[in-house]
Amino acid sequence: LDRVYAWILARPKSLTARIVYAGLQISYAWDARGSGWSNSVTPKGWALFFSRLNTAATTLRDARQTGKDSPVWYEKMLIIARARSLPREYCEMLVKQAREK
């Protein structure tokens, strides 16, 4: 995470660096949650899970400021949306936007 964050600092207009960082945060979130059933996740595990997903989402939203676009950006946002149990309409909107690009 530190190396990729340093990449972002060194190249603030790099969409790829931000997407990679968000992807790492998503993986890190699932690491905190664990692979068990939801009722086996500790309160601390849930807190870390959502905190790290929020960091990933913020990173991806910030990536939009680069003025660049990537289908991987939409993939990562959909992963976050599903992990957060966001409404189906939001996910469909992301898919529609991706198809229009």
C-alpha atoms as a PDB file:
ATOM      1  CA  LEU A   1       0.000   0.000   0.000  1.00  0.00           C
ATOM      2  CA  ASP A   2       2.784   2.419   0.875  1.00  0.00           C
ATOM      3  CA  ARG A   3       4.561   1.902  -2.436  1.00  0.00           C
ATOM      4  CA  VAL A   4       1.421   2.446  -4.468  1.00  0.00           C
ATOM      5  CA  TYR A   5       0.510   5.497  -2.397  1.00  0.00           C
ATOM      6  CA  ALA A   6       4.002   6.856  -3.113  1.00  0.00           C
ATOM      7  CA  TRP A   7       3.267   6.218  -6.813  1.00  0.00           C
ATOM      8  CA  ILE A   8       0.115   8.345  -6.499  1.00  0.00           C
ATOM      9  CA  LEU A   9       2.094  11.128  -4.840  1.00  0.00           C
ATOM     10  CA  ALA A  10       4.784  10.956  -7.517  1.00  0.00           C
ATOM     11  CA  ARG A  11       2.267  10.879 -10.366  1.00  0.00           C
ATOM     12  CA  PRO A  12      -0.919  12.586  -9.153  1.00  0.00           C
ATOM     13  CA  LYS A  13      -2.517  12.413 -12.610  1.00  0.00           C
ATOM     14  CA  SER A  14      -2.044   8.657 -12.904  1.00  0.00           C
ATOM     15  CA  LEU A  15      -5.409   6.926 -13.141  1.00  0.00           C
ATOM     16  CA  THR A  16      -3.698   3.547 -13.043  1.00  0.00           C
ATOM     17  CA  ALA A  17      -1.974   4.252  -9.727  1.00  0.00           C
ATOM     18  CA  ARG A  18      -5.286   5.154  -8.107  1.00  0.00           C
ATOM     19  CA  ILE A  19      -7.062   2.116  -9.531  1.00  0.00           C
ATOM     20  CA  VAL A  20      -4.298  -0.159  -8.258  1.00  0.00           C
ATOM     21  CA  TYR A  21      -4.468   1.482  -4.818  1.00  0.00           C
ATOM     22  CA  ALA A  22      -8.247   1.056  -4.707  1.00  0.00           C
ATOM     23  CA  GLY A  23      -7.893  -2.594  -5.700  1.00  0.00           C
ATOM     24  CA  LEU A  24      -5.423  -3.170  -2.890  1.00  0.00           C
ATOM     25  CA  GLN A  25      -7.772  -1.486  -0.423  1.00  0.00           C
ATOM     26  CA  ILE A  26     -10.612  -3.750  -1.585  1.00  0.00           C
ATOM     27  CA  SER A  27      -8.454  -6.833  -1.014  1.00  0.00           C
ATOM     28  CA  TYR A  28      -7.361  -5.433   2.332  1.00  0.00           C
ATOM     29  CA  ALA A  29     -11.027  -4.901   3.262  1.00  0.00           C
ATOM     30  CA  TRP A  30     -11.872  -8.531   2.528  1.00  0.00           C
ATOM     31  CA  ASP A  31      -8.833  -9.592   4.536  1.00  0.00           C
ATOM     32  CA  ALA A  32     -10.251  -7.730   7.554  1.00  0.00           C
ATOM     33  CA  ARG A  33     -13.709  -9.243   7.055  1.00  0.00           C
ATOM     34  CA  GLY A  34     -12.494 -12.775   6.551  1.00  0.00           C
ATOM     35  CA  SER A  35     -14.051 -15.519   4.464  1.00  0.00           C
ATOM     36  CA  GLY A  36     -16.594 -16.802   6.966  1.00  0.00           C
ATOM     37  CA  TRP A  37     -20.317 -16.237   7.118  1.00  0.00           C
ATOM     38  CA  SER A  38     -21.366 -12.678   7.919  1.00  0.00           C
ATOM     39  CA  ASN A  39     -22.447 -13.625  11.444  1.00  0.00           C
ATOM     40  CA  SER A  40     -18.881 -14.754  12.181  1.00  0.00           C
ATOM     41  CA  VAL A  41     -17.353 -11.335  11.409  1.00  0.00           C
ATOM     42  CA  THR A  42     -16.350  -9.368  14.489  1.00  0.00           C
ATOM     43  CA  PRO A  43     -17.481  -5.760  14.969  1.00  0.00           C
ATOM     44  CA  LYS A  44     -13.852  -4.700  14.473  1.00  0.00           C
ATOM     45  CA  GLY A  45     -13.723  -6.767  11.262  1.00  0.00           C
ATOM     46  CA  TRP A  46     -16.835  -5.035   9.925  1.00  0.00           C
ATOM     47  CA  ALA A  47     -15.478  -1.604  10.862  1.00  0.00           C
ATOM     48  CA  LEU A  48     -12.198  -2.258   9.048  1.00  0.00           C
ATOM     49  CA  PHE A  49     -14.041  -3.766   6.085  1.00  0.00           C
ATOM     50  CA  PHE A  50     -16.198  -0.705   5.533  1.00  0.00           C
ATOM     51  CA  SER A  51     -13.423   1.755   6.327  1.00  0.00           C
ATOM     52  CA  ARG A  52     -11.178   0.196   3.705  1.00  0.00           C
ATOM     53  CA  LEU A  53     -13.999   0.028   1.159  1.00  0.00           C
ATOM     54  CA  ASN A  54     -14.638   3.721   1.815  1.00  0.00           C
ATOM     55  CA  THR A  55     -10.965   4.472   1.215  1.00  0.00           C
ATOM     56  CA  ALA A  56     -11.134   2.549  -2.062  1.00  0.00           C
ATOM     57  CA  ALA A  57     -14.275   4.395  -3.161  1.00  0.00           C
ATOM     58  CA  THR A  58     -12.785   7.781  -2.282  1.00  0.00           C
ATOM     59  CA  THR A  59      -9.625   6.906  -4.180  1.00  0.00           C
ATOM     60  CA  LEU A  60     -11.673   5.976  -7.247  1.00  0.00           C
ATOM     61  CA  ARG A  61     -13.786   9.130  -7.025  1.00  0.00           C
ATOM     62  CA  ASP A  62     -10.574  11.156  -6.795  1.00  0.00           C
ATOM     63  CA  ALA A  63      -9.287   9.272  -9.847  1.00  0.00           C
ATOM     64  CA  ARG A  64     -12.084  10.839 -11.899  1.00  0.00           C
ATOM     65  CA  GLN A  65     -10.312  14.173 -11.407  1.00  0.00           C
ATOM     66  CA  THR A  66      -7.492  12.943 -13.660  1.00  0.00           C
ATOM     67  CA  GLY A  67      -9.816  13.373 -16.634  1.00  0.00           C
ATOM     68  CA  LYS A  68      -9.041   9.840 -17.787  1.00  0.00           C
ATOM     69  CA  ASP A  69     -11.270   6.788 -17.965  1.00  0.00           C
ATOM     70  CA  SER A  70     -10.823   3.026 -17.690  1.00  0.00           C
ATOM     71  CA  PRO A  71     -13.181   0.039 -17.701  1.00  0.00           C
ATOM     72  CA  VAL A  72     -11.285  -1.242 -14.652  1.00  0.00           C
ATOM     73  CA  TRP A  73     -12.481   1.836 -12.745  1.00  0.00           C
ATOM     74  CA  TYR A  74     -16.073   0.682 -13.260  1.00  0.00           C
ATOM     75  CA  GLU A  75     -15.188  -2.881 -12.303  1.00  0.00           C
ATOM     76  CA  LYS A  76     -13.717  -1.728  -8.986  1.00  0.00           C
ATOM     77  CA  MET A  77     -16.673   0.552  -8.281  1.00  0.00           C
ATOM     78  CA  LEU A  78     -19.061  -2.342  -8.926  1.00  0.00           C
ATOM     79  CA  ILE A  79     -17.109  -4.563  -6.545  1.00  0.00           C
ATOM     80  CA  ILE A  80     -17.383  -1.876  -3.869  1.00  0.00           C
ATOM     81  CA  ALA A  81     -21.089  -1.339  -4.560  1.00  0.00           C
ATOM     82  CA  ARG A  82     -21.823  -5.046  -4.219  1.00  0.00           C
ATOM     83  CA  ALA A  83     -19.725  -5.354  -1.058  1.00  0.00           C
ATOM     84  CA  ARG A  84     -21.619  -2.415   0.453  1.00  0.00           C
ATOM     85  CA  SER A  85     -24.968  -3.892  -0.657  1.00  0.00           C
ATOM     86  CA  LEU A  86     -25.810  -0.694  -2.527  1.00  0.00           C
ATOM     87  CA  PRO A  87     -29.085  -0.604  -4.471  1.00  0.00           C
ATOM     88  CA  ARG A  88     -29.304  -2.481  -7.742  1.00  0.00           C
ATOM     89  CA  GLU A  89     -30.145   0.771  -9.520  1.00  0.00           C
ATOM     90  CA  TYR A  90     -26.755   2.196  -8.574  1.00  0.00           C
ATOM     91  CA  CYS A  91     -24.980  -0.855  -9.982  1.00  0.00           C
ATOM     92  CA  GLU A  92     -27.053  -0.665 -13.173  1.00  0.00           C
ATOM     93  CA  MET A  93     -26.134   3.020 -13.511  1.00  0.00           C
ATOM     94  CA  LEU A  94     -22.430   2.125 -13.295  1.00  0.00           C
ATOM     95  CA  VAL A  95     -22.843  -0.576 -15.952  1.00  0.00           C
ATOM     96  CA  LYS A  96     -24.721   1.842 -18.198  1.00  0.00           C
ATOM     97  CA  GLN A  97     -22.005   4.475 -17.814  1.00  0.00           C
ATOM     98  CA  ALA A  98     -19.316   1.912 -18.577  1.00  0.00           C
ATOM     99  CA  ARG A  99     -21.081   0.827 -21.742  1.00  0.00           C
ATOM    100  CA  GLU A 100     -21.374   4.425 -22.923  1.00  0.00           C
ATOM    101  CA  LYS A 101     -17.618   4.962 -22.720  1.00  0.00           C
END
